[in-house]
Amino acid sequence: MIVRLSCAAPMMFSFCFLVSAARAQDIPGIEICTVEKTMERRTSCLQSNIDFQQKTIAKITANYQQRIDAANAQIEALKATLAALQKTVEDLKSAQAKQAEDLKKKADSPMAKDAGK
């Protein structure tokens, strides 16, 4: 039983190592291409690096374009809110001026003068 276990353990370890090595090659990313001996493999490695970089740049560009679009939409919404608030302030100022003018007219009217006597 111990002999079987001692033979099975290295086989399982080597199998796990091979599986992890196979997975590592499938993960896209920047590889060191100078270790490749043949020109075809080196060219393939460099092309893989270029493809990875182009995909990464495209993802980042799309992400930041979405952020810019969202920021522009927010800016437009804030501009509309600002215009509405400015209109409200102008309306309030004109209402206040009208009210002050009405009070002044009431104070200057002859009825107010007669009532004071």
PDB file of N, CA and C in Angstrom:
ATOM      1  N   MET A   1       0.818  -1.183   0.000  1.00  0.00           N
ATOM      2  CA  MET A   1       0.000   0.000   0.000  1.00  0.00           C
ATOM      3  C   MET A   1       0.872   1.261   0.000  1.00  0.00           C
ATOM      4  N   ILE A   2       1.912   1.275   0.817  1.00  0.00           N
ATOM      5  CA  ILE A   2       2.811   2.421   0.886  1.00  0.00           C
ATOM      6  C   ILE A   2       3.565   2.568  -0.428  1.00  0.00           C
ATOM      7  N   VAL A   3       3.916   1.458  -1.048  1.00  0.00           N
ATOM      8  CA  VAL A   3       4.635   1.499  -2.316  1.00  0.00           C
ATOM      9  C   VAL A   3       3.739   2.111  -3.394  1.00  0.00           C
ATOM     10  N   ARG A   4       2.480   1.709  -3.411  1.00  0.00           N
ATOM     11  CA  ARG A   4       1.548   2.265  -4.399  1.00  0.00           C
ATOM     12  C   ARG A   4       1.366   3.771  -4.177  1.00  0.00           C
ATOM     13  N   LEU A   5       1.261   4.165  -2.933  1.00  0.00           N
ATOM     14  CA  LEU A   5       1.083   5.572  -2.614  1.00  0.00           C
ATOM     15  C   LEU A   5       2.325   6.380  -2.992  1.00  0.00           C
ATOM     16  N   SER A   6       3.497   5.820  -2.782  1.00  0.00           N
ATOM     17  CA  SER A   6       4.724   6.536  -3.115  1.00  0.00           C
ATOM     18  C   SER A   6       4.888   6.671  -4.625  1.00  0.00           C
ATOM     19  N   CYS A   7       4.315   5.777  -5.398  1.00  0.00           N
ATOM     20  CA  CYS A   7       4.370   5.892  -6.856  1.00  0.00           C
ATOM     21  C   CYS A   7       3.284   6.836  -7.370  1.00  0.00           C
ATOM     22  N   ALA A   8       2.144   6.831  -6.723  1.00  0.00           N
ATOM     23  CA  ALA A   8       1.019   7.638  -7.186  1.00  0.00           C
ATOM     24  C   ALA A   8       1.231   9.126  -6.885  1.00  0.00           C
ATOM     25  N   ALA A   9       1.870   9.444  -5.788  1.00  0.00           N
ATOM     26  CA  ALA A   9       2.058  10.842  -5.404  1.00  0.00           C
ATOM     27  C   ALA A   9       2.885  11.615  -6.433  1.00  0.00           C
ATOM     28  N   PRO A  10       4.039  11.106  -6.871  1.00  0.00           N
ATOM     29  CA  PRO A  10       4.790  11.861  -7.886  1.00  0.00           C
ATOM     30  C   PRO A  10       4.031  11.986  -9.204  1.00  0.00           C
ATOM     31  N   MET A  11       3.263  10.961  -9.551  1.00  0.00           N
ATOM     32  CA  MET A  11       2.503  11.033 -10.799  1.00  0.00           C
ATOM     33  C   MET A  11       1.428  12.117 -10.701  1.00  0.00           C
ATOM     34  N   MET A  12       0.762  12.188  -9.565  1.00  0.00           N
ATOM     35  CA  MET A  12      -0.265  13.211  -9.380  1.00  0.00           C
ATOM     36  C   MET A  12       0.361  14.609  -9.383  1.00  0.00           C
ATOM     37  N   PHE A  13       1.517  14.735  -8.744  1.00  0.00           N
ATOM     38  CA  PHE A  13       2.199  16.022  -8.709  1.00  0.00           C
ATOM     39  C   PHE A  13       2.598  16.453 -10.114  1.00  0.00           C
ATOM     40  N   SER A  14       3.160  15.533 -10.890  1.00  0.00           N
ATOM     41  CA  SER A  14       3.581  15.884 -12.245  1.00  0.00           C
ATOM     42  C   SER A  14       2.372  16.215 -13.116  1.00  0.00           C
ATOM     43  N   PHE A  15       1.252  15.517 -12.914  1.00  0.00           N
ATOM     44  CA  PHE A  15       0.041  15.815 -13.672  1.00  0.00           C
ATOM     45  C   PHE A  15      -0.458  17.224 -13.341  1.00  0.00           C
ATOM     46  N   CYS A  16      -0.476  17.558 -12.070  1.00  0.00           N
ATOM     47  CA  CYS A  16      -0.916  18.898 -11.658  1.00  0.00           C
ATOM     48  C   CYS A  16       0.010  19.969 -12.216  1.00  0.00           C
ATOM     49  N   PHE A  17       1.304  19.687 -12.240  1.00  0.00           N
ATOM     50  CA  PHE A  17       2.268  20.635 -12.777  1.00  0.00           C
ATOM     51  C   PHE A  17       2.034  20.849 -14.270  1.00  0.00           C
ATOM     52  N   LEU A  18       1.773  19.770 -15.002  1.00  0.00           N
ATOM     53  CA  LEU A  18       1.525  19.886 -16.433  1.00  0.00           C
ATOM     54  C   LEU A  18       0.237  20.658 -16.710  1.00  0.00           C
ATOM     55  N   VAL A  19      -0.778  20.407 -15.915  1.00  0.00           N
ATOM     56  CA  VAL A  19      -2.041  21.121 -16.103  1.00  0.00           C
ATOM     57  C   VAL A  19      -1.849  22.606 -15.841  1.00  0.00           C
ATOM     58  N   SER A  20      -1.117  22.956 -14.784  1.00  0.00           N
ATOM     59  CA  SER A  20      -0.901  24.375 -14.490  1.00  0.00           C
ATOM     60  C   SER A  20      -0.028  25.026 -15.553  1.00  0.00           C
ATOM     61  N   ALA A  21       0.926  24.295 -16.107  1.00  0.00           N
ATOM     62  CA  ALA A  21       1.760  24.846 -17.168  1.00  0.00           C
ATOM     63  C   ALA A  21       0.935  25.076 -18.428  1.00  0.00           C
ATOM     64  N   ALA A  22       0.028  24.168 -18.725  1.00  0.00           N
ATOM     65  CA  ALA A  22      -0.825  24.335 -19.897  1.00  0.00           C
ATOM     66  C   ALA A  22      -1.753  25.536 -19.719  1.00  0.00           C
ATOM     67  N   ARG A  23      -2.255  25.723 -18.531  1.00  0.00           N
ATOM     68  CA  ARG A  23      -3.129  26.867 -18.273  1.00  0.00           C
ATOM     69  C   ARG A  23      -2.359  28.176 -18.382  1.00  0.00           C
ATOM     70  N   ALA A  24      -1.128  28.185 -17.932  1.00  0.00           N
ATOM     71  CA  ALA A  24      -0.332  29.408 -17.953  1.00  0.00           C
ATOM     72  C   ALA A  24      -0.100  29.881 -19.377  1.00  0.00           C
ATOM     73  N   GLN A  25       0.007  28.977 -20.320  1.00  0.00           N
ATOM     74  CA  GLN A  25       0.226  29.374 -21.704  1.00  0.00           C
ATOM     75  C   GLN A  25      -1.045  29.932 -22.330  1.00  0.00           C
ATOM     76  N   ASP A  26      -2.194  29.561 -21.806  1.00  0.00           N
ATOM     77  CA  ASP A  26      -3.455  30.018 -22.371  1.00  0.00           C
ATOM     78  C   ASP A  26      -3.872  31.389 -21.854  1.00  0.00           C
ATOM     79  N   ILE A  27      -3.217  31.856 -20.820  1.00  0.00           N
ATOM     80  CA  ILE A  27      -3.562  33.159 -20.257  1.00  0.00           C
ATOM     81  C   ILE A  27      -2.928  34.239 -21.127  1.00  0.00           C
ATOM     82  N   PRO A  28      -3.748  35.125 -21.692  1.00  0.00           N
ATOM     83  CA  PRO A  28      -3.167  36.170 -22.533  1.00  0.00           C
ATOM     84  C   PRO A  28      -2.402  37.177 -21.692  1.00  0.00           C
ATOM     85  N   GLY A  29      -1.336  37.671 -22.255  1.00  0.00           N
ATOM     86  CA  GLY A  29      -0.528  38.656 -21.558  1.00  0.00           C
ATOM     87  C   GLY A  29       0.778  38.865 -22.284  1.00  0.00           C
ATOM     88  N   ILE A  30       1.629  39.643 -21.711  1.00  0.00           N
ATOM     89  CA  ILE A  30       2.926  39.920 -22.303  1.00  0.00           C
ATOM     90  C   ILE A  30       3.867  38.769 -21.976  1.00  0.00           C
ATOM     91  N   GLU A  31       4.446  38.206 -23.009  1.00  0.00           N
ATOM     92  CA  GLU A  31       5.384  37.097 -22.837  1.00  0.00           C
ATOM     93  C   GLU A  31       6.786  37.572 -23.191  1.00  0.00           C
ATOM     94  N   ILE A  32       7.777  36.905 -22.643  1.00  0.00           N
ATOM     95  CA  ILE A  32       9.165  37.211 -22.969  1.00  0.00           C
ATOM     96  C   ILE A  32       9.526  36.393 -24.201  1.00  0.00           C
ATOM     97  N   CYS A  33       9.688  37.063 -25.322  1.00  0.00           N
ATOM     98  CA  CYS A  33       9.872  36.375 -26.594  1.00  0.00           C
ATOM     99  C   CYS A  33      11.334  36.087 -26.906  1.00  0.00           C
ATOM    100  N   THR A  34      12.254  36.629 -26.138  1.00  0.00           N
ATOM    101  CA  THR A  34      13.670  36.430 -26.453  1.00  0.00           C
ATOM    102  C   THR A  34      14.144  35.024 -26.135  1.00  0.00           C
ATOM    103  N   VAL A  35      13.365  34.268 -25.355  1.00  0.00           N
ATOM    104  CA  VAL A  35      13.777  32.906 -25.019  1.00  0.00           C
ATOM    105  C   VAL A  35      13.462  31.927 -26.140  1.00  0.00           C
ATOM    106  N   GLU A  36      12.638  32.328 -27.099  1.00  0.00           N
ATOM    107  CA  GLU A  36      12.299  31.446 -28.217  1.00  0.00           C
ATOM    108  C   GLU A  36      13.494  31.336 -29.153  1.00  0.00           C
ATOM    109  N   LYS A  37      13.765  30.112 -29.602  1.00  0.00           N
ATOM    110  CA  LYS A  37      14.944  29.873 -30.445  1.00  0.00           C
ATOM    111  C   LYS A  37      14.638  30.072 -31.923  1.00  0.00           C
ATOM    112  N   THR A  38      13.485  29.604 -32.381  1.00  0.00           N
ATOM    113  CA  THR A  38      13.196  29.692 -33.813  1.00  0.00           C
ATOM    114  C   THR A  38      12.512  31.014 -34.125  1.00  0.00           C
ATOM    115  N   MET A  39      12.729  31.455 -35.345  1.00  0.00           N
ATOM    116  CA  MET A  39      12.172  32.731 -35.771  1.00  0.00           C
ATOM    117  C   MET A  39      10.647  32.678 -35.835  1.00  0.00           C
ATOM    118  N   GLU A  40      10.076  31.539 -36.216  1.00  0.00           N
ATOM    119  CA  GLU A  40       8.621  31.420 -36.317  1.00  0.00           C
ATOM    120  C   GLU A  40       7.971  31.557 -34.943  1.00  0.00           C
ATOM    121  N   ARG A  41       8.554  30.886 -33.959  1.00  0.00           N
ATOM    122  CA  ARG A  41       7.993  30.956 -32.606  1.00  0.00           C
ATOM    123  C   ARG A  41       8.169  32.359 -32.019  1.00  0.00           C
ATOM    124  N   ARG A  42       9.301  32.971 -32.299  1.00  0.00           N
ATOM    125  CA  ARG A  42       9.536  34.322 -31.798  1.00  0.00           C
ATOM    126  C   ARG A  42       8.556  35.308 -32.443  1.00  0.00           C
ATOM    127  N   THR A  43       8.349  35.160 -33.748  1.00  0.00           N
ATOM    128  CA  THR A  43       7.400  36.019 -34.453  1.00  0.00           C
ATOM    129  C   THR A  43       5.990  35.820 -33.914  1.00  0.00           C
ATOM    130  N   SER A  44       5.626  34.570 -33.687  1.00  0.00           N
ATOM    131  CA  SER A  44       4.305  34.264 -33.133  1.00  0.00           C
ATOM    132  C   SER A  44       4.151  34.865 -31.738  1.00  0.00           C
ATOM    133  N   CYS A  45       5.189  34.778 -30.951  1.00  0.00           N
ATOM    134  CA  CYS A  45       5.162  35.338 -29.601  1.00  0.00           C
ATOM    135  C   CYS A  45       4.995  36.857 -29.656  1.00  0.00           C
ATOM    136  N   LEU A  46       5.752  37.504 -30.527  1.00  0.00           N
ATOM    137  CA  LEU A  46       5.644  38.953 -30.658  1.00  0.00           C
ATOM    138  C   LEU A  46       4.258  39.364 -31.154  1.00  0.00           C
ATOM    139  N   GLN A  47       3.715  38.587 -32.109  1.00  0.00           N
ATOM    140  CA  GLN A  47       2.376  38.901 -32.612  1.00  0.00           C
ATOM    141  C   GLN A  47       1.334  38.731 -31.512  1.00  0.00           C
ATOM    142  N   SER A  48       1.519  37.725 -30.670  1.00  0.00           N
ATOM    143  CA  SER A  48       0.614  37.521 -29.541  1.00  0.00           C
ATOM    144  C   SER A  48       0.677  38.709 -28.585  1.00  0.00           C
ATOM    145  N   ASN A  49       1.881  39.206 -28.334  1.00  0.00           N
ATOM    146  CA  ASN A  49       2.031  40.383 -27.471  1.00  0.00           C
ATOM    147  C   ASN A  49       1.346  41.609 -28.080  1.00  0.00           C
ATOM    148  N   ILE A  50       1.502  41.781 -29.385  1.00  0.00           N
ATOM    149  CA  ILE A  50       0.873  42.915 -30.066  1.00  0.00           C
ATOM    150  C   ILE A  50      -0.642  42.807 -29.988  1.00  0.00           C
ATOM    151  N   ASP A  51      -1.164  41.609 -30.241  1.00  0.00           N
ATOM    152  CA  ASP A  51      -2.613  41.401 -30.165  1.00  0.00           C
ATOM    153  C   ASP A  51      -3.132  41.704 -28.761  1.00  0.00           C
ATOM    154  N   PHE A  52      -2.409  41.229 -27.751  1.00  0.00           N
ATOM    155  CA  PHE A  52      -2.816  41.484 -26.368  1.00  0.00           C
ATOM    156  C   PHE A  52      -2.838  42.980 -26.075  1.00  0.00           C
ATOM    157  N   GLN A  53      -1.796  43.681 -26.504  1.00  0.00           N
ATOM    158  CA  GLN A  53      -1.733  45.122 -26.253  1.00  0.00           C
ATOM    159  C   GLN A  53      -2.840  45.871 -26.988  1.00  0.00           C
ATOM    160  N   GLN A  54      -3.129  45.471 -28.220  1.00  0.00           N
ATOM    161  CA  GLN A  54      -4.199  46.134 -28.969  1.00  0.00           C
ATOM    162  C   GLN A  54      -5.559  45.901 -28.316  1.00  0.00           C
ATOM    163  N   LYS A  55      -5.805  44.679 -27.848  1.00  0.00           N
ATOM    164  CA  LYS A  55      -7.071  44.386 -27.169  1.00  0.00           C
ATOM    165  C   LYS A  55      -7.178  45.177 -25.868  1.00  0.00           C
ATOM    166  N   THR A  56      -6.071  45.262 -25.149  1.00  0.00           N
ATOM    167  CA  THR A  56      -6.067  46.011 -23.891  1.00  0.00           C
ATOM    168  C   THR A  56      -6.332  47.494 -24.143  1.00  0.00           C
ATOM    169  N   ILE A  57      -5.690  48.043 -25.153  1.00  0.00           N
ATOM    170  CA  ILE A  57      -5.900  49.455 -25.492  1.00  0.00           C
ATOM    171  C   ILE A  57      -7.344  49.691 -25.914  1.00  0.00           C
ATOM    172  N   ALA A  58      -7.908  48.769 -26.686  1.00  0.00           N
ATOM    173  CA  ALA A  58      -9.306  48.915 -27.121  1.00  0.00           C
ATOM    174  C   ALA A  58     -10.253  48.887 -25.924  1.00  0.00           C
ATOM    175  N   LYS A  59     -10.002  47.985 -24.965  1.00  0.00           N
ATOM    176  CA  LYS A  59     -10.847  47.917 -23.764  1.00  0.00           C
ATOM    177  C   LYS A  59     -10.757  49.213 -22.961  1.00  0.00           C
ATOM    178  N   ILE A  60      -9.540  49.682 -22.761  1.00  0.00           N
ATOM    179  CA  ILE A  60      -9.333  50.900 -21.977  1.00  0.00           C
ATOM    180  C   ILE A  60      -9.964  52.100 -22.683  1.00  0.00           C
ATOM    181  N   THR A  61      -9.804  52.166 -24.003  1.00  0.00           N
ATOM    182  CA  THR A  61     -10.390  53.267 -24.770  1.00  0.00           C
ATOM    183  C   THR A  61     -11.904  53.268 -24.643  1.00  0.00           C
ATOM    184  N   ALA A  62     -12.516  52.092 -24.782  1.00  0.00           N
ATOM    185  CA  ALA A  62     -13.977  51.999 -24.659  1.00  0.00           C
ATOM    186  C   ALA A  62     -14.431  52.389 -23.253  1.00  0.00           C
ATOM    187  N   ASN A  63     -13.689  51.944 -22.249  1.00  0.00           N
ATOM    188  CA  ASN A  63     -14.033  52.266 -20.864  1.00  0.00           C
ATOM    189  C   ASN A  63     -13.985  53.775 -20.626  1.00  0.00           C
ATOM    190  N   TYR A  64     -12.918  54.415 -21.066  1.00  0.00           N
ATOM    191  CA  TYR A  64     -12.798  55.851 -20.841  1.00  0.00           C
ATOM    192  C   TYR A  64     -13.760  56.648 -21.710  1.00  0.00           C
ATOM    193  N   GLN A  65     -14.099  56.135 -22.898  1.00  0.00           N
ATOM    194  CA  GLN A  65     -15.093  56.817 -23.724  1.00  0.00           C
ATOM    195  C   GLN A  65     -16.454  56.801 -23.038  1.00  0.00           C
ATOM    196  N   GLN A  66     -16.785  55.683 -22.401  1.00  0.00           N
ATOM    197  CA  GLN A  66     -18.036  55.614 -21.641  1.00  0.00           C
ATOM    198  C   GLN A  66     -18.020  56.613 -20.487  1.00  0.00           C
ATOM    199  N   ARG A  67     -16.884  56.716 -19.823  1.00  0.00           N
ATOM    200  CA  ARG A  67     -16.775  57.675 -18.717  1.00  0.00           C
ATOM    201  C   ARG A  67     -16.927  59.111 -19.218  1.00  0.00           C
ATOM    202  N   ILE A  68     -16.310  59.407 -20.359  1.00  0.00           N
ATOM    203  CA  ILE A  68     -16.408  60.752 -20.928  1.00  0.00           C
ATOM    204  C   ILE A  68     -17.845  61.050 -21.327  1.00  0.00           C
ATOM    205  N   ASP A  69     -18.517  60.085 -21.956  1.00  0.00           N
ATOM    206  CA  ASP A  69     -19.914  60.279 -22.354  1.00  0.00           C
ATOM    207  C   ASP A  69     -20.806  60.514 -21.135  1.00  0.00           C
ATOM    208  N   ALA A  70     -20.570  59.749 -20.076  1.00  0.00           N
ATOM    209  CA  ALA A  70     -21.358  59.927 -18.852  1.00  0.00           C
ATOM    210  C   ALA A  70     -21.094  61.300 -18.242  1.00  0.00           C
ATOM    211  N   ALA A  71     -19.846  61.723 -18.245  1.00  0.00           N
ATOM    212  CA  ALA A  71     -19.509  63.041 -17.698  1.00  0.00           C
ATOM    213  C   ALA A  71     -20.145  64.149 -18.535  1.00  0.00           C
ATOM    214  N   ASN A  72     -20.131  63.993 -19.859  1.00  0.00           N
ATOM    215  CA  ASN A  72     -20.760  65.001 -20.724  1.00  0.00           C
ATOM    216  C   ASN A  72     -22.266  65.067 -20.493  1.00  0.00           C
ATOM    217  N   ALA A  73     -22.892  63.913 -20.315  1.00  0.00           N
ATOM    218  CA  ALA A  73     -24.332  63.896 -20.034  1.00  0.00           C
ATOM    219  C   ALA A  73     -24.622  64.587 -18.706  1.00  0.00           C
ATOM    220  N   GLN A  74     -23.772  64.348 -17.723  1.00  0.00           N
ATOM    221  CA  GLN A  74     -23.949  64.990 -16.421  1.00  0.00           C
ATOM    222  C   GLN A  74     -23.742  66.501 -16.534  1.00  0.00           C
ATOM    223  N   ILE A  75     -22.778  66.912 -17.327  1.00  0.00           N
ATOM    224  CA  ILE A  75     -22.538  68.345 -17.530  1.00  0.00           C
ATOM    225  C   ILE A  75     -23.755  69.002 -18.170  1.00  0.00           C
ATOM    226  N   GLU A  76     -24.334  68.347 -19.178  1.00  0.00           N
ATOM    227  CA  GLU A  76     -25.523  68.902 -19.832  1.00  0.00           C
ATOM    228  C   GLU A  76     -26.695  68.998 -18.857  1.00  0.00           C
ATOM    229  N   ALA A  77     -26.859  67.984 -18.017  1.00  0.00           N
ATOM    230  CA  ALA A  77     -27.933  68.019 -17.018  1.00  0.00           C
ATOM    231  C   ALA A  77     -27.703  69.157 -16.028  1.00  0.00           C
ATOM    232  N   LEU A  78     -26.464  69.353 -15.623  1.00  0.00           N
ATOM    233  CA  LEU A  78     -26.152  70.445 -14.696  1.00  0.00           C
ATOM    234  C   LEU A  78     -26.371  71.811 -15.344  1.00  0.00           C
ATOM    235  N   LYS A  79     -26.065  71.919 -16.640  1.00  0.00           N
ATOM    236  CA  LYS A  79     -26.322  73.176 -17.345  1.00  0.00           C
ATOM    237  C   LYS A  79     -27.815  73.480 -17.374  1.00  0.00           C
ATOM    238  N   ALA A  80     -28.627  72.458 -17.630  1.00  0.00           N
ATOM    239  CA  ALA A  80     -30.081  72.654 -17.654  1.00  0.00           C
ATOM    240  C   ALA A  80     -30.590  73.057 -16.272  1.00  0.00           C
ATOM    241  N   THR A  81     -30.068  72.422 -15.238  1.00  0.00           N
ATOM    242  CA  THR A  81     -30.460  72.769 -13.870  1.00  0.00           C
ATOM    243  C   THR A  81     -30.052  74.201 -13.538  1.00  0.00           C
ATOM    244  N   LEU A  82     -28.855  74.579 -13.948  1.00  0.00           N
ATOM    245  CA  LEU A  82     -28.375  75.943 -13.710  1.00  0.00           C
ATOM    246  C   LEU A  82     -29.263  76.964 -14.415  1.00  0.00           C
ATOM    247  N   ALA A  83     -29.645  76.689 -15.650  1.00  0.00           N
ATOM    248  CA  ALA A  83     -30.514  77.614 -16.383  1.00  0.00           C
ATOM    249  C   ALA A  83     -31.863  77.752 -15.680  1.00  0.00           C
ATOM    250  N   ALA A  84     -32.405  76.632 -15.195  1.00  0.00           N
ATOM    251  CA  ALA A  84     -33.684  76.684 -14.478  1.00  0.00           C
ATOM    252  C   ALA A  84     -33.551  77.489 -13.188  1.00  0.00           C
ATOM    253  N   LEU A  85     -32.461  77.298 -12.476  1.00  0.00           N
ATOM    254  CA  LEU A  85     -32.246  78.047 -11.232  1.00  0.00           C
ATOM    255  C   LEU A  85     -32.050  79.537 -11.505  1.00  0.00           C
ATOM    256  N   GLN A  86     -31.339  79.864 -12.575  1.00  0.00           N
ATOM    257  CA  GLN A  86     -31.152  81.274 -12.921  1.00  0.00           C
ATOM    258  C   GLN A  86     -32.487  81.927 -13.271  1.00  0.00           C
ATOM    259  N   LYS A  87     -33.345  81.190 -13.975  1.00  0.00           N
ATOM    260  CA  LYS A  87     -34.673  81.715 -14.306  1.00  0.00           C
ATOM    261  C   LYS A  87     -35.489  81.927 -13.035  1.00  0.00           C
ATOM    262  N   THR A  88     -35.398  80.984 -12.101  1.00  0.00           N
ATOM    263  CA  THR A  88     -36.119  81.121 -10.833  1.00  0.00           C
ATOM    264  C   THR A  88     -35.636  82.350 -10.065  1.00  0.00           C
ATOM    265  N   VAL A  89     -34.339  82.568 -10.041  1.00  0.00           N
ATOM    266  CA  VAL A  89     -33.782  83.737  -9.352  1.00  0.00           C
ATOM    267  C   VAL A  89     -34.276  85.024 -10.018  1.00  0.00           C
ATOM    268  N   GLU A  90     -34.269  85.060 -11.345  1.00  0.00           N
ATOM    269  CA  GLU A  90     -34.759  86.248 -12.052  1.00  0.00           C
ATOM    270  C   GLU A  90     -36.238  86.492 -11.750  1.00  0.00           C
ATOM    271  N   ASP A  91     -37.031  85.414 -11.727  1.00  0.00           N
ATOM    272  CA  ASP A  91     -38.459  85.547 -11.400  1.00  0.00           C
ATOM    273  C   ASP A  91     -38.647  86.080  -9.983  1.00  0.00           C
ATOM    274  N   LEU A  92     -37.863  85.561  -9.053  1.00  0.00           N
ATOM    275  CA  LEU A  92     -37.967  86.028  -7.666  1.00  0.00           C
ATOM    276  C   LEU A  92     -37.550  87.492  -7.536  1.00  0.00           C
ATOM    277  N   LYS A  93     -36.506  87.876  -8.259  1.00  0.00           N
ATOM    278  CA  LYS A  93     -36.068  89.281  -8.215  1.00  0.00           C
ATOM    279  C   LYS A  93     -37.136  90.202  -8.787  1.00  0.00           C
ATOM    280  N   SER A  94     -37.742  89.795  -9.894  1.00  0.00           N
ATOM    281  CA  SER A  94     -38.778  90.649 -10.489  1.00  0.00           C
ATOM    282  C   SER A  94     -40.012  90.700  -9.590  1.00  0.00           C
ATOM    283  N   ALA A  95     -40.357  89.582  -8.947  1.00  0.00           N
ATOM    284  CA  ALA A  95     -41.496  89.580  -8.020  1.00  0.00           C
ATOM    285  C   ALA A  95     -41.205  90.463  -6.816  1.00  0.00           C
ATOM    286  N   GLN A  96     -39.980  90.423  -6.331  1.00  0.00           N
ATOM    287  CA  GLN A  96     -39.599  91.258  -5.189  1.00  0.00           C
ATOM    288  C   GLN A  96     -39.635  92.739  -5.578  1.00  0.00           C
ATOM    289  N   ALA A  97     -39.153  93.046  -6.768  1.00  0.00           N
ATOM    290  CA  ALA A  97     -39.172  94.441  -7.223  1.00  0.00           C
ATOM    291  C   ALA A  97     -40.605  94.917  -7.406  1.00  0.00           C
ATOM    292  N   LYS A  98     -41.456  94.064  -7.950  1.00  0.00           N
ATOM    293  CA  LYS A  98     -42.865  94.430  -8.132  1.00  0.00           C
ATOM    294  C   LYS A  98     -43.552  94.647  -6.785  1.00  0.00           C
ATOM    295  N   GLN A  99     -43.253  93.776  -5.834  1.00  0.00           N
ATOM    296  CA  GLN A  99     -43.854  93.907  -4.503  1.00  0.00           C
ATOM    297  C   GLN A  99     -43.388  95.205  -3.839  1.00  0.00           C
ATOM    298  N   ALA A 100     -42.115  95.520  -3.976  1.00  0.00           N
ATOM    299  CA  ALA A 100     -41.599  96.766  -3.396  1.00  0.00           C
ATOM    300  C   ALA A 100     -42.248  97.968  -4.065  1.00  0.00           C
ATOM    301  N   GLU A 101     -42.436  97.887  -5.371  1.00  0.00           N
ATOM    302  CA  GLU A 101     -43.083  98.980  -6.100  1.00  0.00           C
ATOM    303  C   GLU A 101     -44.541  99.135  -5.666  1.00  0.00           C
ATOM    304  N   ASP A 102     -45.245  98.019  -5.487  1.00  0.00           N
ATOM    305  CA  ASP A 102     -46.639  98.071  -5.028  1.00  0.00           C
ATOM    306  C   ASP A 102     -46.732  98.685  -3.628  1.00  0.00           C
ATOM    307  N   LEU A 103     -45.827  98.311  -2.752  1.00  0.00           N
ATOM    308  CA  LEU A 103     -45.827  98.881  -1.400  1.00  0.00           C
ATOM    309  C   LEU A 103     -45.551 100.380  -1.437  1.00  0.00           C
ATOM    310  N   LYS A 104     -44.664 100.791  -2.330  1.00  0.00           N
ATOM    311  CA  LYS A 104     -44.345 102.210  -2.449  1.00  0.00           C
ATOM    312  C   LYS A 104     -45.547 102.983  -2.987  1.00  0.00           C
ATOM    313  N   LYS A 105     -46.255 102.375  -3.955  1.00  0.00           N
ATOM    314  CA  LYS A 105     -47.452 103.031  -4.501  1.00  0.00           C
ATOM    315  C   LYS A 105     -48.532 103.167  -3.434  1.00  0.00           C
ATOM    316  N   LYS A 106     -48.674 102.136  -2.620  1.00  0.00           N
ATOM    317  CA  LYS A 106     -49.675 102.193  -1.552  1.00  0.00           C
ATOM    318  C   LYS A 106     -49.324 103.285  -0.547  1.00  0.00           C
ATOM    319  N   ALA A 107     -48.068 103.406  -0.260  1.00  0.00           N
ATOM    320  CA  ALA A 107     -47.640 104.423   0.709  1.00  0.00           C
ATOM    321  C   ALA A 107     -47.822 105.822   0.140  1.00  0.00           C
ATOM    322  N   ASP A 108     -47.657 105.983  -1.165  1.00  0.00           N
ATOM    323  CA  ASP A 108     -47.767 107.295  -1.796  1.00  0.00           C
ATOM    324  C   ASP A 108     -49.200 107.629  -2.230  1.00  0.00           C
ATOM    325  N   SER A 109     -50.105 106.709  -2.160  1.00  0.00           N
ATOM    326  CA  SER A 109     -51.472 106.954  -2.643  1.00  0.00           C
ATOM    327  C   SER A 109     -52.195 107.947  -1.723  1.00  0.00           C
ATOM    328  N   PRO A 110     -53.183 108.720  -2.259  1.00  0.00           N
ATOM    329  CA  PRO A 110     -53.901 109.716  -1.452  1.00  0.00           C
ATOM    330  C   PRO A 110     -54.724 109.074  -0.351  1.00  0.00           C
ATOM    331  N   MET A 111     -55.190 107.864  -0.537  1.00  0.00           N
ATOM    332  CA  MET A 111     -55.990 107.208   0.498  1.00  0.00           C
ATOM    333  C   MET A 111     -55.132 106.948   1.731  1.00  0.00           C
ATOM    334  N   ALA A 112     -53.888 106.597   1.516  1.00  0.00           N
ATOM    335  CA  ALA A 112     -53.006 106.339   2.646  1.00  0.00           C
ATOM    336  C   ALA A 112     -52.719 107.639   3.388  1.00  0.00           C
ATOM    337  N   LYS A 113     -52.646 108.749   2.626  1.00  0.00           N
ATOM    338  CA  LYS A 113     -52.401 110.041   3.265  1.00  0.00           C
ATOM    339  C   LYS A 113     -53.620 110.477   4.068  1.00  0.00           C
ATOM    340  N   ASP A 114     -54.823 110.227   3.505  1.00  0.00           N
ATOM    341  CA  ASP A 114     -56.046 110.601   4.218  1.00  0.00           C
ATOM    342  C   ASP A 114     -56.237 109.747   5.459  1.00  0.00           C
ATOM    343  N   ALA A 115     -55.887 108.529   5.384  1.00  0.00           N
ATOM    344  CA  ALA A 115     -56.061 107.631   6.525  1.00  0.00           C
ATOM    345  C   ALA A 115     -55.132 108.037   7.654  1.00  0.00           C
ATOM    346  N   GLY A 116     -54.025 108.640   7.321  1.00  0.00           N
ATOM    347  CA  GLY A 116     -53.070 109.062   8.331  1.00  0.00           C
ATOM    348  C   GLY A 116     -53.557 110.279   9.090  1.00  0.00           C
ATOM    349  N   LYS A 117     -54.494 111.071   8.567  1.00  0.00           N
ATOM    350  CA  LYS A 117     -54.965 112.296   9.224  1.00  0.00           C
ATOM    351  C   LYS A 117     -55.984 112.013  10.222  1.00  0.00           C
TER     352      LYS A 117
END
